[in-house]
Structures are given as C-alpha cells and as structure tokens.
Amino acid sequence: MSLGQVISLMRGAVTQTISLVAPILIVALIVGLIVAILQAVTSIQEQTLTFLPKLIVILLMIALLGGTMFSSLSQYTIRIFEMIPQVAR
C-alpha cells in the first residue's frame, strides 16, 4: 500500500466522521444558542438549563438520521474491507 493510498484512506475516514457528526453538532449548537439568548433576555443564569434541550434534540436527530448514518457507515466499512486484498499484496 502506497503513501497516497494511506492518505486517501485517512481522508475518507475524516470525511465520513465529519459527515456523520456535523448535522447533530449543528443542531445542538443552534439549540444552545437559542437557549443562551433566552437566558440573556430573561436574566436566568442557570448553567444546567441548556443540557436538557440539547439532549432531547440530539436524541431526536439520532432517531431521525440514525438509519441514514448507519447505512453510510456500513457502506464505508464494506469499502474498507474490500480494500484488504490490495493491502495484503
């Protein structure tokens, strides 16, 4: 296996990870921002107030996108396993 193939493999792994995690993190960030704005407007400075809305939204996103995420990850894993004979040469 050449250095270029290793770099391509690592690039694919990073891209796959980012594409799986990005939607969940973006939604959690938006919910955190909304709660922070509401806290600033109402002068409620409870630090644990953002935890429950973020947790609920993250769980909902996983429930909605879980099938797609699993399908994408399984396809990537199959591609990796198909590359094993090339590496063994």
PDB file of N, CA and C in Angstrom:
ATOM      1  N   MET A   1       0.861  -1.177   0.000  1.00  0.00           N
ATOM      2  CA  MET A   1       0.000   0.000   0.000  1.00  0.00           C
ATOM      3  C   MET A   1       0.902   1.233   0.000  1.00  0.00           C
ATOM      4  N   SER A   2       0.627   2.138  -0.911  1.00  0.00           N
ATOM      5  CA  SER A   2       1.467   3.319  -1.040  1.00  0.00           C
ATOM      6  C   SER A   2       1.009   4.411  -0.068  1.00  0.00           C
ATOM      7  N   LEU A   3       1.839   5.404   0.052  1.00  0.00           N
ATOM      8  CA  LEU A   3       1.540   6.529   0.937  1.00  0.00           C
ATOM      9  C   LEU A   3       0.298   7.274   0.470  1.00  0.00           C
ATOM     10  N   GLY A   4       0.131   7.393  -0.825  1.00  0.00           N
ATOM     11  CA  GLY A   4      -1.049   8.067  -1.373  1.00  0.00           C
ATOM     12  C   GLY A   4      -2.338   7.351  -1.013  1.00  0.00           C
ATOM     13  N   GLN A   5      -2.290   6.020  -1.028  1.00  0.00           N
ATOM     14  CA  GLN A   5      -3.475   5.248  -0.654  1.00  0.00           C
ATOM     15  C   GLN A   5      -3.794   5.401   0.825  1.00  0.00           C
ATOM     16  N   VAL A   6      -2.755   5.445   1.649  1.00  0.00           N
ATOM     17  CA  VAL A   6      -2.971   5.637   3.085  1.00  0.00           C
ATOM     18  C   VAL A   6      -3.578   7.008   3.348  1.00  0.00           C
ATOM     19  N   ILE A   7      -3.065   8.018   2.674  1.00  0.00           N
ATOM     20  CA  ILE A   7      -3.605   9.369   2.841  1.00  0.00           C
ATOM     21  C   ILE A   7      -5.057   9.424   2.370  1.00  0.00           C
ATOM     22  N   SER A   8      -5.336   8.766   1.255  1.00  0.00           N
ATOM     23  CA  SER A   8      -6.708   8.726   0.753  1.00  0.00           C
ATOM     24  C   SER A   8      -7.631   8.012   1.742  1.00  0.00           C
ATOM     25  N   LEU A   9      -7.156   6.945   2.326  1.00  0.00           N
ATOM     26  CA  LEU A   9      -7.931   6.207   3.315  1.00  0.00           C
ATOM     27  C   LEU A   9      -8.219   7.059   4.554  1.00  0.00           C
ATOM     28  N   MET A  10      -7.213   7.771   5.038  1.00  0.00           N
ATOM     29  CA  MET A  10      -7.398   8.634   6.201  1.00  0.00           C
ATOM     30  C   MET A  10      -8.323   9.811   5.884  1.00  0.00           C
ATOM     31  N   ARG A  11      -8.169  10.369   4.685  1.00  0.00           N
ATOM     32  CA  ARG A  11      -9.045  11.465   4.271  1.00  0.00           C
ATOM     33  C   ARG A  11     -10.497  10.998   4.222  1.00  0.00           C
ATOM     34  N   GLY A  12     -10.721   9.802   3.709  1.00  0.00           N
ATOM     35  CA  GLY A  12     -12.067   9.240   3.666  1.00  0.00           C
ATOM     36  C   GLY A  12     -12.640   9.021   5.053  1.00  0.00           C
ATOM     37  N   ALA A  13     -11.796   8.570   5.983  1.00  0.00           N
ATOM     38  CA  ALA A  13     -12.260   8.352   7.357  1.00  0.00           C
ATOM     39  C   ALA A  13     -12.651   9.668   8.020  1.00  0.00           C
ATOM     40  N   VAL A  14     -11.846  10.694   7.831  1.00  0.00           N
ATOM     41  CA  VAL A  14     -12.159  12.004   8.420  1.00  0.00           C
ATOM     42  C   VAL A  14     -13.418  12.587   7.790  1.00  0.00           C
ATOM     43  N   THR A  15     -13.543  12.473   6.477  1.00  0.00           N
ATOM     44  CA  THR A  15     -14.729  12.974   5.786  1.00  0.00           C
ATOM     45  C   THR A  15     -15.983  12.248   6.255  1.00  0.00           C
ATOM     46  N   GLN A  16     -15.885  10.934   6.409  1.00  0.00           N
ATOM     47  CA  GLN A  16     -17.021  10.145   6.873  1.00  0.00           C
ATOM     48  C   GLN A  16     -17.424  10.564   8.284  1.00  0.00           C
ATOM     49  N   THR A  17     -16.451  10.730   9.150  1.00  0.00           N
ATOM     50  CA  THR A  17     -16.739  11.134  10.527  1.00  0.00           C
ATOM     51  C   THR A  17     -17.408  12.500  10.578  1.00  0.00           C
ATOM     52  N   ILE A  18     -16.886  13.441   9.828  1.00  0.00           N
ATOM     53  CA  ILE A  18     -17.469  14.788   9.820  1.00  0.00           C
ATOM     54  C   ILE A  18     -18.885  14.763   9.259  1.00  0.00           C
ATOM     55  N   SER A  19     -19.099  13.998   8.197  1.00  0.00           N
ATOM     56  CA  SER A  19     -20.437  13.967   7.602  1.00  0.00           C
ATOM     57  C   SER A  19     -21.453  13.282   8.518  1.00  0.00           C
ATOM     58  N   LEU A  20     -21.009  12.385   9.381  1.00  0.00           N
ATOM     59  CA  LEU A  20     -21.927  11.740  10.319  1.00  0.00           C
ATOM     60  C   LEU A  20     -22.238  12.623  11.522  1.00  0.00           C
ATOM     61  N   VAL A  21     -21.259  13.374  11.980  1.00  0.00           N
ATOM     62  CA  VAL A  21     -21.409  14.130  13.219  1.00  0.00           C
ATOM     63  C   VAL A  21     -21.919  15.552  12.996  1.00  0.00           C
ATOM     64  N   ALA A  22     -21.629  16.130  11.846  1.00  0.00           N
ATOM     65  CA  ALA A  22     -21.944  17.538  11.594  1.00  0.00           C
ATOM     66  C   ALA A  22     -23.416  17.902  11.785  1.00  0.00           C
ATOM     67  N   PRO A  23     -24.382  17.151  11.240  1.00  0.00           N
ATOM     68  CA  PRO A  23     -25.775  17.575  11.435  1.00  0.00           C
ATOM     69  C   PRO A  23     -26.191  17.620  12.912  1.00  0.00           C
ATOM     70  N   ILE A  24     -25.736  16.664  13.669  1.00  0.00           N
ATOM     71  CA  ILE A  24     -26.093  16.626  15.097  1.00  0.00           C
ATOM     72  C   ILE A  24     -25.447  17.789  15.829  1.00  0.00           C
ATOM     73  N   LEU A  25     -24.177  18.056  15.558  1.00  0.00           N
ATOM     74  CA  LEU A  25     -23.492  19.153  16.233  1.00  0.00           C
ATOM     75  C   LEU A  25     -24.069  20.514  15.852  1.00  0.00           C
ATOM     76  N   ILE A  26     -24.439  20.679  14.598  1.00  0.00           N
ATOM     77  CA  ILE A  26     -25.001  21.962  14.157  1.00  0.00           C
ATOM     78  C   ILE A  26     -26.332  22.230  14.848  1.00  0.00           C
ATOM     79  N   VAL A  27     -27.183  21.218  14.918  1.00  0.00           N
ATOM     80  CA  VAL A  27     -28.480  21.396  15.577  1.00  0.00           C
ATOM     81  C   VAL A  27     -28.287  21.652  17.070  1.00  0.00           C
ATOM     82  N   ALA A  28     -27.360  20.938  17.699  1.00  0.00           N
ATOM     83  CA  ALA A  28     -27.088  21.168  19.127  1.00  0.00           C
ATOM     84  C   ALA A  28     -26.551  22.585  19.359  1.00  0.00           C
ATOM     85  N   LEU A  29     -25.726  23.059  18.440  1.00  0.00           N
ATOM     86  CA  LEU A  29     -25.203  24.421  18.542  1.00  0.00           C
ATOM     87  C   LEU A  29     -26.311  25.452  18.418  1.00  0.00           C
ATOM     88  N   ILE A  30     -27.227  25.244  17.487  1.00  0.00           N
ATOM     89  CA  ILE A  30     -28.341  26.177  17.301  1.00  0.00           C
ATOM     90  C   ILE A  30     -29.240  26.195  18.534  1.00  0.00           C
ATOM     91  N   VAL A  31     -29.550  25.023  19.078  1.00  0.00           N
ATOM     92  CA  VAL A  31     -30.391  24.964  20.279  1.00  0.00           C
ATOM     93  C   VAL A  31     -29.689  25.637  21.450  1.00  0.00           C
ATOM     94  N   GLY A  32     -28.385  25.403  21.592  1.00  0.00           N
ATOM     95  CA  GLY A  32     -27.633  26.061  22.657  1.00  0.00           C
ATOM     96  C   GLY A  32     -27.642  27.574  22.514  1.00  0.00           C
ATOM     97  N   LEU A  33     -27.541  28.055  21.284  1.00  0.00           N
ATOM     98  CA  LEU A  33     -27.571  29.498  21.036  1.00  0.00           C
ATOM     99  C   LEU A  33     -28.934  30.092  21.367  1.00  0.00           C
ATOM    100  N   ILE A  34     -29.989  29.388  20.983  1.00  0.00           N
ATOM    101  CA  ILE A  34     -31.348  29.870  21.285  1.00  0.00           C
ATOM    102  C   ILE A  34     -31.576  29.923  22.796  1.00  0.00           C
ATOM    103  N   VAL A  35     -31.163  28.889  23.496  1.00  0.00           N
ATOM    104  CA  VAL A  35     -31.336  28.867  24.953  1.00  0.00           C
ATOM    105  C   VAL A  35     -30.491  29.965  25.590  1.00  0.00           C
ATOM    106  N   ALA A  36     -29.286  30.191  25.089  1.00  0.00           N
ATOM    107  CA  ALA A  36     -28.434  31.251  25.634  1.00  0.00           C
ATOM    108  C   ALA A  36     -29.056  32.626  25.423  1.00  0.00           C
ATOM    109  N   ILE A  37     -29.667  32.841  24.268  1.00  0.00           N
ATOM    110  CA  ILE A  37     -30.345  34.123  24.013  1.00  0.00           C
ATOM    111  C   ILE A  37     -31.525  34.285  24.963  1.00  0.00           C
ATOM    112  N   LEU A  38     -32.302  33.223  25.143  1.00  0.00           N
ATOM    113  CA  LEU A  38     -33.426  33.284  26.087  1.00  0.00           C
ATOM    114  C   LEU A  38     -32.951  33.534  27.513  1.00  0.00           C
ATOM    115  N   GLN A  39     -31.827  32.935  27.883  1.00  0.00           N
ATOM    116  CA  GLN A  39     -31.283  33.184  29.212  1.00  0.00           C
ATOM    117  C   GLN A  39     -30.844  34.631  29.365  1.00  0.00           C
ATOM    118  N   ALA A  40     -30.255  35.200  28.337  1.00  0.00           N
ATOM    119  CA  ALA A  40     -29.809  36.590  28.401  1.00  0.00           C
ATOM    120  C   ALA A  40     -30.994  37.544  28.477  1.00  0.00           C
ATOM    121  N   VAL A  41     -32.057  37.225  27.737  1.00  0.00           N
ATOM    122  CA  VAL A  41     -33.235  38.091  27.731  1.00  0.00           C
ATOM    123  C   VAL A  41     -33.961  38.044  29.070  1.00  0.00           C
ATOM    124  N   THR A  42     -34.058  36.862  29.649  1.00  0.00           N
ATOM    125  CA  THR A  42     -34.805  36.701  30.900  1.00  0.00           C
ATOM    126  C   THR A  42     -33.935  36.821  32.139  1.00  0.00           C
ATOM    127  N   SER A  43     -32.648  37.026  31.979  1.00  0.00           N
ATOM    128  CA  SER A  43     -31.693  37.148  33.079  1.00  0.00           C
ATOM    129  C   SER A  43     -31.630  35.900  33.954  1.00  0.00           C
ATOM    130  N   ILE A  44     -31.933  34.757  33.386  1.00  0.00           N
ATOM    131  CA  ILE A  44     -31.773  33.489  34.101  1.00  0.00           C
ATOM    132  C   ILE A  44     -30.377  32.976  33.782  1.00  0.00           C
ATOM    133  N   GLN A  45     -29.555  32.831  34.785  1.00  0.00           N
ATOM    134  CA  GLN A  45     -28.171  32.429  34.561  1.00  0.00           C
ATOM    135  C   GLN A  45     -27.891  31.023  35.090  1.00  0.00           C
ATOM    136  N   GLU A  46     -28.799  30.115  34.849  1.00  0.00           N
ATOM    137  CA  GLU A  46     -28.620  28.727  35.254  1.00  0.00           C
ATOM    138  C   GLU A  46     -27.813  27.999  34.179  1.00  0.00           C
ATOM    139  N   GLN A  47     -26.655  27.470  34.541  1.00  0.00           N
ATOM    140  CA  GLN A  47     -25.765  26.846  33.578  1.00  0.00           C
ATOM    141  C   GLN A  47     -26.277  25.496  33.084  1.00  0.00           C
ATOM    142  N   THR A  48     -27.059  24.817  33.906  1.00  0.00           N
ATOM    143  CA  THR A  48     -27.542  23.488  33.523  1.00  0.00           C
ATOM    144  C   THR A  48     -28.817  23.539  32.689  1.00  0.00           C
ATOM    145  N   LEU A  49     -29.350  24.717  32.432  1.00  0.00           N
ATOM    146  CA  LEU A  49     -30.600  24.854  31.694  1.00  0.00           C
ATOM    147  C   LEU A  49     -30.473  24.418  30.233  1.00  0.00           C
ATOM    148  N   THR A  50     -29.310  24.519  29.653  1.00  0.00           N
ATOM    149  CA  THR A  50     -29.134  24.147  28.249  1.00  0.00           C
ATOM    150  C   THR A  50     -28.989  22.642  28.052  1.00  0.00           C
ATOM    151  N   PHE A  51     -28.731  21.907  29.125  1.00  0.00           N
ATOM    152  CA  PHE A  51     -28.455  20.479  28.990  1.00  0.00           C
ATOM    153  C   PHE A  51     -29.645  19.692  28.461  1.00  0.00           C
ATOM    154  N   LEU A  52     -30.803  19.851  29.057  1.00  0.00           N
ATOM    155  CA  LEU A  52     -31.962  19.047  28.671  1.00  0.00           C
ATOM    156  C   LEU A  52     -32.439  19.329  27.243  1.00  0.00           C
ATOM    157  N   PRO A  53     -32.585  20.580  26.808  1.00  0.00           N
ATOM    158  CA  PRO A  53     -32.983  20.801  25.408  1.00  0.00           C
ATOM    159  C   PRO A  53     -31.978  20.228  24.405  1.00  0.00           C
ATOM    160  N   LYS A  54     -30.680  20.379  24.692  1.00  0.00           N
ATOM    161  CA  LYS A  54     -29.674  19.821  23.799  1.00  0.00           C
ATOM    162  C   LYS A  54     -29.768  18.297  23.760  1.00  0.00           C
ATOM    163  N   LEU A  55     -29.945  17.685  24.906  1.00  0.00           N
ATOM    164  CA  LEU A  55     -30.048  16.230  24.972  1.00  0.00           C
ATOM    165  C   LEU A  55     -31.246  15.728  24.176  1.00  0.00           C
ATOM    166  N   ILE A  56     -32.376  16.387  24.344  1.00  0.00           N
ATOM    167  CA  ILE A  56     -33.587  15.978  23.620  1.00  0.00           C
ATOM    168  C   ILE A  56     -33.393  16.131  22.107  1.00  0.00           C
ATOM    169  N   VAL A  57     -32.831  17.247  21.677  1.00  0.00           N
ATOM    170  CA  VAL A  57     -32.629  17.487  20.247  1.00  0.00           C
ATOM    171  C   VAL A  57     -31.613  16.505  19.664  1.00  0.00           C
ATOM    172  N   ILE A  58     -30.551  16.209  20.404  1.00  0.00           N
ATOM    173  CA  ILE A  58     -29.557  15.250  19.919  1.00  0.00           C
ATOM    174  C   ILE A  58     -30.186  13.867  19.772  1.00  0.00           C
ATOM    175  N   LEU A  59     -30.977  13.452  20.751  1.00  0.00           N
ATOM    176  CA  LEU A  59     -31.642  12.148  20.659  1.00  0.00           C
ATOM    177  C   LEU A  59     -32.634  12.102  19.496  1.00  0.00           C
ATOM    178  N   LEU A  60     -33.369  13.195  19.276  1.00  0.00           N
ATOM    179  CA  LEU A  60     -34.282  13.252  18.138  1.00  0.00           C
ATOM    180  C   LEU A  60     -33.531  13.172  16.803  1.00  0.00           C
ATOM    181  N   MET A  61     -32.413  13.866  16.708  1.00  0.00           N
ATOM    182  CA  MET A  61     -31.622  13.831  15.476  1.00  0.00           C
ATOM    183  C   MET A  61     -31.078  12.432  15.217  1.00  0.00           C
ATOM    184  N   ILE A  62     -30.627  11.770  16.267  1.00  0.00           N
ATOM    185  CA  ILE A  62     -30.137  10.399  16.102  1.00  0.00           C
ATOM    186  C   ILE A  62     -31.275   9.485  15.679  1.00  0.00           C
ATOM    187  N   ALA A  63     -32.463   9.698  16.252  1.00  0.00           N
ATOM    188  CA  ALA A  63     -33.610   8.875  15.866  1.00  0.00           C
ATOM    189  C   ALA A  63     -34.011   9.124  14.417  1.00  0.00           C
ATOM    190  N   LEU A  64     -33.959  10.376  13.975  1.00  0.00           N
ATOM    191  CA  LEU A  64     -34.342  10.705  12.603  1.00  0.00           C
ATOM    192  C   LEU A  64     -33.287  10.296  11.573  1.00  0.00           C
ATOM    193  N   LEU A  65     -32.030  10.520  11.899  1.00  0.00           N
ATOM    194  CA  LEU A  65     -30.963  10.291  10.931  1.00  0.00           C
ATOM    195  C   LEU A  65     -30.200   8.993  11.164  1.00  0.00           C
ATOM    196  N   GLY A  66     -30.589   8.225  12.167  1.00  0.00           N
ATOM    197  CA  GLY A  66     -29.845   7.021  12.521  1.00  0.00           C
ATOM    198  C   GLY A  66     -29.747   6.015  11.396  1.00  0.00           C
ATOM    199  N   GLY A  67     -30.835   5.798  10.676  1.00  0.00           N
ATOM    200  CA  GLY A  67     -30.810   4.849   9.567  1.00  0.00           C
ATOM    201  C   GLY A  67     -29.868   5.273   8.460  1.00  0.00           C
ATOM    202  N   THR A  68     -29.930   6.547   8.109  1.00  0.00           N
ATOM    203  CA  THR A  68     -29.043   7.081   7.074  1.00  0.00           C
ATOM    204  C   THR A  68     -27.588   7.023   7.518  1.00  0.00           C
ATOM    205  N   MET A  69     -27.357   7.374   8.781  1.00  0.00           N
ATOM    206  CA  MET A  69     -25.994   7.343   9.308  1.00  0.00           C
ATOM    207  C   MET A  69     -25.450   5.917   9.308  1.00  0.00           C
ATOM    208  N   PHE A  70     -26.270   4.966   9.730  1.00  0.00           N
ATOM    209  CA  PHE A  70     -25.833   3.570   9.760  1.00  0.00           C
ATOM    210  C   PHE A  70     -25.564   3.054   8.351  1.00  0.00           C
ATOM    211  N   SER A  71     -26.417   3.411   7.411  1.00  0.00           N
ATOM    212  CA  SER A  71     -26.232   2.979   6.024  1.00  0.00           C
ATOM    213  C   SER A  71     -24.929   3.531   5.454  1.00  0.00           C
ATOM    214  N   SER A  72     -24.668   4.796   5.684  1.00  0.00           N
ATOM    215  CA  SER A  72     -23.451   5.419   5.189  1.00  0.00           C
ATOM    216  C   SER A  72     -22.218   4.776   5.814  1.00  0.00           C
ATOM    217  N   LEU A  73     -22.275   4.543   7.106  1.00  0.00           N
ATOM    218  CA  LEU A  73     -21.140   3.942   7.798  1.00  0.00           C
ATOM    219  C   LEU A  73     -20.920   2.498   7.358  1.00  0.00           C
ATOM    220  N   SER A  74     -21.991   1.762   7.117  1.00  0.00           N
ATOM    221  CA  SER A  74     -21.832   0.374   6.674  1.00  0.00           C
ATOM    222  C   SER A  74     -21.256   0.318   5.260  1.00  0.00           C
ATOM    223  N   GLN A  75     -21.666   1.225   4.383  1.00  0.00           N
ATOM    224  CA  GLN A  75     -21.094   1.264   3.033  1.00  0.00           C
ATOM    225  C   GLN A  75     -19.603   1.588   3.079  1.00  0.00           C
ATOM    226  N   TYR A  76     -19.226   2.517   3.948  1.00  0.00           N
ATOM    227  CA  TYR A  76     -17.809   2.862   4.094  1.00  0.00           C
ATOM    228  C   TYR A  76     -17.026   1.667   4.638  1.00  0.00           C
ATOM    229  N   THR A  77     -17.593   0.965   5.605  1.00  0.00           N
ATOM    230  CA  THR A  77     -16.921  -0.199   6.178  1.00  0.00           C
ATOM    231  C   THR A  77     -16.757  -1.299   5.136  1.00  0.00           C
ATOM    232  N   ILE A  78     -17.766  -1.511   4.310  1.00  0.00           N
ATOM    233  CA  ILE A  78     -17.662  -2.512   3.242  1.00  0.00           C
ATOM    234  C   ILE A  78     -16.547  -2.141   2.266  1.00  0.00           C
ATOM    235  N   ARG A  79     -16.441  -0.855   1.917  1.00  0.00           N
ATOM    236  CA  ARG A  79     -15.355  -0.415   1.021  1.00  0.00           C
ATOM    237  C   ARG A  79     -13.994  -0.682   1.645  1.00  0.00           C
ATOM    238  N   ILE A  80     -13.873  -0.435   2.958  1.00  0.00           N
ATOM    239  CA  ILE A  80     -12.602  -0.675   3.656  1.00  0.00           C
ATOM    240  C   ILE A  80     -12.258  -2.165   3.613  1.00  0.00           C
ATOM    241  N   PHE A  81     -13.242  -3.019   3.881  1.00  0.00           N
ATOM    242  CA  PHE A  81     -12.983  -4.460   3.860  1.00  0.00           C
ATOM    243  C   PHE A  81     -12.655  -4.954   2.455  1.00  0.00           C
ATOM    244  N   GLU A  82     -13.223  -4.328   1.442  1.00  0.00           N
ATOM    245  CA  GLU A  82     -12.900  -4.704   0.067  1.00  0.00           C
ATOM    246  C   GLU A  82     -11.484  -4.315  -0.312  1.00  0.00           C
ATOM    247  N   MET A  83     -10.887  -3.387   0.408  1.00  0.00           N
ATOM    248  CA  MET A  83      -9.525  -2.958   0.133  1.00  0.00           C
ATOM    249  C   MET A  83      -8.480  -3.867   0.781  1.00  0.00           C
ATOM    250  N   ILE A  84      -8.894  -4.773   1.657  1.00  0.00           N
ATOM    251  CA  ILE A  84      -7.943  -5.635   2.369  1.00  0.00           C
ATOM    252  C   ILE A  84      -7.077  -6.460   1.415  1.00  0.00           C
ATOM    253  N   PRO A  85      -7.629  -7.066   0.361  1.00  0.00           N
ATOM    254  CA  PRO A  85      -6.737  -7.824  -0.536  1.00  0.00           C
ATOM    255  C   PRO A  85      -5.655  -6.963  -1.203  1.00  0.00           C
ATOM    256  N   GLN A  86      -5.953  -5.702  -1.462  1.00  0.00           N
ATOM    257  CA  GLN A  86      -4.944  -4.807  -2.047  1.00  0.00           C
ATOM    258  C   GLN A  86      -3.819  -4.543  -1.057  1.00  0.00           C
ATOM    259  N   VAL A  87      -4.176  -4.437   0.213  1.00  0.00           N
ATOM    260  CA  VAL A  87      -3.174  -4.154   1.241  1.00  0.00           C
ATOM    261  C   VAL A  87      -2.292  -5.381   1.469  1.00  0.00           C
ATOM    262  N   ALA A  88      -2.856  -6.577   1.322  1.00  0.00           N
ATOM    263  CA  ALA A  88      -2.099  -7.800   1.576  1.00  0.00           C
ATOM    264  C   ALA A  88      -1.032  -8.076   0.527  1.00  0.00           C
ATOM    265  N   ARG A  89      -1.105  -7.449  -0.626  1.00  0.00           N
ATOM    266  CA  ARG A  89      -0.117  -7.684  -1.685  1.00  0.00           C
ATOM    267  C   ARG A  89       1.226  -7.118  -1.364  1.00  0.00           C
TER     268      ARG A  89
END
